[in-house]
C-alpha cells in the first residue's frame, strides 16, 4: 500500500499480514488485539490507541510516532531503522 491515510473509518479494511506500507499515515484510531507482521517504510503514526497488539518481526524504516499509546502491545523481534 502506498501513500494512503488510514483512520478509524478504514482501519477494519487493513490486512496487517505480510504487507508493505510505503509513505502511509496511520492516525486517529483505536484498535484492539491485532497481529501485525508487515513492513512500514517512511510511515507516520499519530494519535493512536493500540491495545494488546502483537507486532511480530515487523520492519519499521524511518517511521515517526506522535501521541501514540501502545498499551499491552509487544514488538517481538521487530527492527526499527
N, C-alpha and C. Protein backbone atom coordinates (compact mmCIF):
# COMPACT_ATOMS: atom_id res chain seq x y z
N UNK A 1 0.85 -1.15 0.00
CA UNK A 1 0.00 0.00 0.00
C UNK A 1 0.90 1.23 0.00
N UNK A 2 0.54 2.21 -0.78
CA UNK A 2 1.40 3.38 -0.93
C UNK A 2 0.59 4.67 -0.75
N UNK A 3 1.13 5.56 0.08
CA UNK A 3 0.60 6.91 0.25
C UNK A 3 -0.88 6.96 0.62
N UNK A 4 -1.29 6.09 1.50
CA UNK A 4 -2.68 6.06 1.96
C UNK A 4 -2.77 6.65 3.37
N UNK A 5 -3.92 7.19 3.70
CA UNK A 5 -4.19 7.65 5.05
C UNK A 5 -5.21 6.71 5.67
N UNK A 6 -4.84 6.11 6.79
CA UNK A 6 -5.70 5.14 7.46
C UNK A 6 -6.23 5.77 8.74
N UNK A 7 -7.55 5.92 8.83
CA UNK A 7 -8.20 6.45 10.01
C UNK A 7 -9.21 5.41 10.51
N UNK A 8 -9.96 5.75 11.54
CA UNK A 8 -10.91 4.81 12.13
C UNK A 8 -11.86 4.21 11.10
N UNK A 9 -12.26 4.98 10.12
CA UNK A 9 -13.21 4.51 9.11
C UNK A 9 -12.61 3.41 8.23
N UNK A 10 -11.31 3.41 8.03
CA UNK A 10 -10.67 2.46 7.12
C UNK A 10 -9.90 1.34 7.81
N UNK A 11 -9.68 1.45 9.11
CA UNK A 11 -8.79 0.50 9.79
C UNK A 11 -9.29 -0.94 9.69
N UNK A 12 -10.58 -1.17 9.65
CA UNK A 12 -11.12 -2.53 9.56
C UNK A 12 -10.82 -3.18 8.21
N UNK A 13 -10.50 -2.40 7.20
CA UNK A 13 -10.22 -2.93 5.87
C UNK A 13 -8.75 -3.33 5.69
N UNK A 14 -7.92 -3.02 6.66
CA UNK A 14 -6.48 -3.26 6.52
C UNK A 14 -6.13 -4.69 6.87
N UNK A 15 -5.36 -5.33 6.01
CA UNK A 15 -4.82 -6.66 6.29
C UNK A 15 -3.39 -6.46 6.78
N UNK A 16 -3.17 -6.72 8.03
CA UNK A 16 -1.90 -6.43 8.68
C UNK A 16 -0.85 -7.51 8.45
N UNK A 17 -1.12 -8.52 7.62
CA UNK A 17 -0.21 -9.65 7.44
C UNK A 17 0.53 -9.58 6.11
N UNK A 18 1.85 -9.69 6.19
CA UNK A 18 2.71 -9.79 5.00
C UNK A 18 2.43 -8.70 3.97
N UNK A 19 2.28 -7.49 4.43
CA UNK A 19 2.04 -6.38 3.53
C UNK A 19 3.17 -5.37 3.68
N UNK A 20 3.25 -4.44 2.76
CA UNK A 20 4.26 -3.39 2.81
C UNK A 20 3.54 -2.05 2.68
N UNK A 21 3.80 -1.16 3.63
CA UNK A 21 3.20 0.16 3.65
C UNK A 21 4.29 1.19 3.41
N UNK A 22 4.12 2.01 2.37
CA UNK A 22 5.12 2.99 1.99
C UNK A 22 4.47 4.38 2.00
N UNK A 23 5.03 5.30 2.79
CA UNK A 23 4.53 6.67 2.92
C UNK A 23 3.07 6.74 3.37
N UNK A 24 2.65 5.82 4.21
CA UNK A 24 1.27 5.82 4.70
C UNK A 24 1.17 6.59 6.01
N UNK A 25 -0.02 7.07 6.28
CA UNK A 25 -0.30 7.78 7.52
C UNK A 25 -1.37 6.99 8.27
N UNK A 26 -1.05 6.60 9.48
CA UNK A 26 -1.98 5.90 10.35
C UNK A 26 -2.32 6.87 11.47
N UNK A 27 -3.59 7.29 11.56
CA UNK A 27 -3.90 8.31 12.55
C UNK A 27 -5.34 8.24 13.04
N UNK A 28 -5.48 8.72 14.26
CA UNK A 28 -6.79 8.94 14.87
C UNK A 28 -7.68 7.70 14.91
N UNK A 29 -7.12 6.58 15.41
CA UNK A 29 -7.98 5.41 15.59
C UNK A 29 -7.61 4.62 16.83
N UNK A 30 -8.58 3.81 17.26
CA UNK A 30 -8.39 2.85 18.34
C UNK A 30 -8.48 1.47 17.72
N UNK A 31 -7.65 0.56 18.21
CA UNK A 31 -7.67 -0.79 17.70
C UNK A 31 -7.38 -1.76 18.84
N UNK A 32 -8.05 -2.90 18.82
CA UNK A 32 -7.90 -3.91 19.86
C UNK A 32 -7.08 -5.06 19.32
N UNK A 33 -6.95 -6.16 20.04
CA UNK A 33 -5.98 -7.20 19.67
C UNK A 33 -5.85 -7.44 18.17
N UNK A 34 -4.64 -7.21 17.72
CA UNK A 34 -4.31 -7.36 16.31
C UNK A 34 -2.90 -7.91 16.21
N UNK A 35 -2.69 -8.82 15.27
CA UNK A 35 -1.35 -9.34 15.00
C UNK A 35 -0.86 -8.72 13.70
N UNK A 36 0.34 -8.14 13.74
CA UNK A 36 0.90 -7.42 12.61
C UNK A 36 2.26 -8.01 12.25
N UNK A 37 2.47 -8.31 10.98
CA UNK A 37 3.79 -8.79 10.54
C UNK A 37 4.09 -8.22 9.14
N UNK A 38 4.16 -6.91 9.09
CA UNK A 38 4.34 -6.20 7.83
C UNK A 38 5.58 -5.31 7.88
N UNK A 39 5.83 -4.66 6.76
CA UNK A 39 6.92 -3.70 6.64
C UNK A 39 6.31 -2.30 6.52
N UNK A 40 6.86 -1.36 7.28
CA UNK A 40 6.40 0.02 7.27
C UNK A 40 7.60 0.89 6.90
N UNK A 41 7.52 1.56 5.76
CA UNK A 41 8.63 2.38 5.29
C UNK A 41 8.17 3.83 5.17
N UNK A 42 8.81 4.71 5.95
CA UNK A 42 8.51 6.14 5.93
C UNK A 42 7.05 6.43 6.22
N UNK A 43 6.50 5.73 7.19
CA UNK A 43 5.11 5.91 7.60
C UNK A 43 5.05 6.77 8.86
N UNK A 44 3.91 7.38 9.10
CA UNK A 44 3.73 8.13 10.33
C UNK A 44 2.52 7.57 11.09
N UNK A 45 2.68 7.53 12.40
CA UNK A 45 1.65 7.04 13.30
C UNK A 45 1.32 8.18 14.26
N UNK A 46 0.06 8.61 14.32
CA UNK A 46 -0.31 9.74 15.18
C UNK A 46 -1.67 9.52 15.82
N UNK A 47 -1.73 9.86 17.10
CA UNK A 47 -2.99 9.81 17.85
C UNK A 47 -3.64 8.43 17.82
N UNK A 48 -2.86 7.41 18.10
CA UNK A 48 -3.36 6.04 18.10
C UNK A 48 -3.50 5.51 19.51
N UNK A 49 -4.52 4.69 19.72
CA UNK A 49 -4.70 3.94 20.96
C UNK A 49 -4.75 2.47 20.55
N UNK A 50 -3.59 1.81 20.62
CA UNK A 50 -3.43 0.45 20.12
C UNK A 50 -3.30 -0.47 21.33
N UNK A 51 -4.32 -1.27 21.59
CA UNK A 51 -4.35 -2.09 22.79
C UNK A 51 -4.07 -3.56 22.47
N UNK A 52 -3.14 -4.14 23.18
CA UNK A 52 -2.84 -5.57 23.12
C UNK A 52 -2.51 -6.06 21.71
N UNK A 53 -1.77 -5.27 20.96
CA UNK A 53 -1.35 -5.69 19.64
C UNK A 53 -0.08 -6.51 19.72
N UNK A 54 0.19 -7.26 18.68
CA UNK A 54 1.42 -8.04 18.59
C UNK A 54 2.09 -7.73 17.26
N UNK A 55 3.12 -6.89 17.33
CA UNK A 55 3.95 -6.60 16.17
C UNK A 55 5.02 -7.69 16.16
N UNK A 56 4.94 -8.60 15.21
CA UNK A 56 5.80 -9.77 15.19
C UNK A 56 6.72 -9.72 13.97
N UNK A 57 8.01 -9.53 14.20
CA UNK A 57 9.01 -9.50 13.13
C UNK A 57 8.74 -8.40 12.10
N UNK A 58 8.20 -7.28 12.53
CA UNK A 58 7.96 -6.14 11.63
C UNK A 58 9.27 -5.39 11.40
N UNK A 59 9.30 -4.69 10.29
CA UNK A 59 10.40 -3.80 10.00
C UNK A 59 9.79 -2.41 9.85
N UNK A 60 10.29 -1.46 10.65
CA UNK A 60 9.80 -0.08 10.61
C UNK A 60 10.98 0.82 10.24
N UNK A 61 10.94 1.36 9.04
CA UNK A 61 12.05 2.14 8.49
C UNK A 61 11.64 3.61 8.43
N UNK A 62 12.39 4.47 9.13
CA UNK A 62 12.16 5.91 9.13
C UNK A 62 10.70 6.26 9.42
N UNK A 63 10.10 5.59 10.39
CA UNK A 63 8.73 5.88 10.80
C UNK A 63 8.73 6.87 11.96
N UNK A 64 7.67 7.63 12.07
CA UNK A 64 7.52 8.56 13.18
C UNK A 64 6.29 8.19 13.99
N UNK A 65 6.37 8.47 15.29
CA UNK A 65 5.29 8.18 16.22
C UNK A 65 5.01 9.45 17.02
N UNK A 66 3.75 9.88 17.04
CA UNK A 66 3.37 11.08 17.78
C UNK A 66 2.07 10.82 18.52
N UNK A 67 2.12 11.01 19.83
CA UNK A 67 0.94 10.87 20.68
C UNK A 67 0.27 9.50 20.51
N UNK A 68 1.05 8.43 20.55
CA UNK A 68 0.54 7.07 20.41
C UNK A 68 0.60 6.34 21.75
N UNK A 69 -0.39 5.53 22.01
CA UNK A 69 -0.42 4.69 23.21
C UNK A 69 -0.49 3.24 22.75
N UNK A 70 0.52 2.46 23.12
CA UNK A 70 0.58 1.05 22.75
C UNK A 70 0.48 0.22 24.03
N UNK A 71 -0.63 0.33 24.72
CA UNK A 71 -0.81 -0.36 25.99
C UNK A 71 -0.93 -1.87 25.79
N UNK A 72 -0.05 -2.61 26.46
CA UNK A 72 -0.08 -4.07 26.37
C UNK A 72 0.35 -4.61 25.02
N UNK A 73 0.97 -3.80 24.21
CA UNK A 73 1.41 -4.20 22.87
C UNK A 73 2.86 -4.66 22.92
N UNK A 74 3.18 -5.70 22.17
CA UNK A 74 4.54 -6.23 22.11
C UNK A 74 5.12 -6.00 20.71
N UNK A 75 6.42 -5.71 20.70
CA UNK A 75 7.15 -5.53 19.45
C UNK A 75 8.22 -6.62 19.39
N UNK A 76 7.79 -7.85 19.21
CA UNK A 76 8.67 -9.01 19.26
C UNK A 76 9.49 -9.14 17.98
N UNK A 77 10.82 -9.17 18.13
CA UNK A 77 11.74 -9.33 17.00
C UNK A 77 11.55 -8.30 15.90
N UNK A 78 11.09 -7.11 16.24
CA UNK A 78 10.93 -6.03 15.26
C UNK A 78 12.24 -5.30 15.07
N UNK A 79 12.39 -4.68 13.92
CA UNK A 79 13.56 -3.87 13.63
C UNK A 79 13.11 -2.45 13.35
N UNK A 80 13.68 -1.51 14.12
CA UNK A 80 13.44 -0.09 13.92
C UNK A 80 14.70 0.49 13.28
N UNK A 81 14.56 0.99 12.07
CA UNK A 81 15.70 1.51 11.33
C UNK A 81 15.50 3.00 11.10
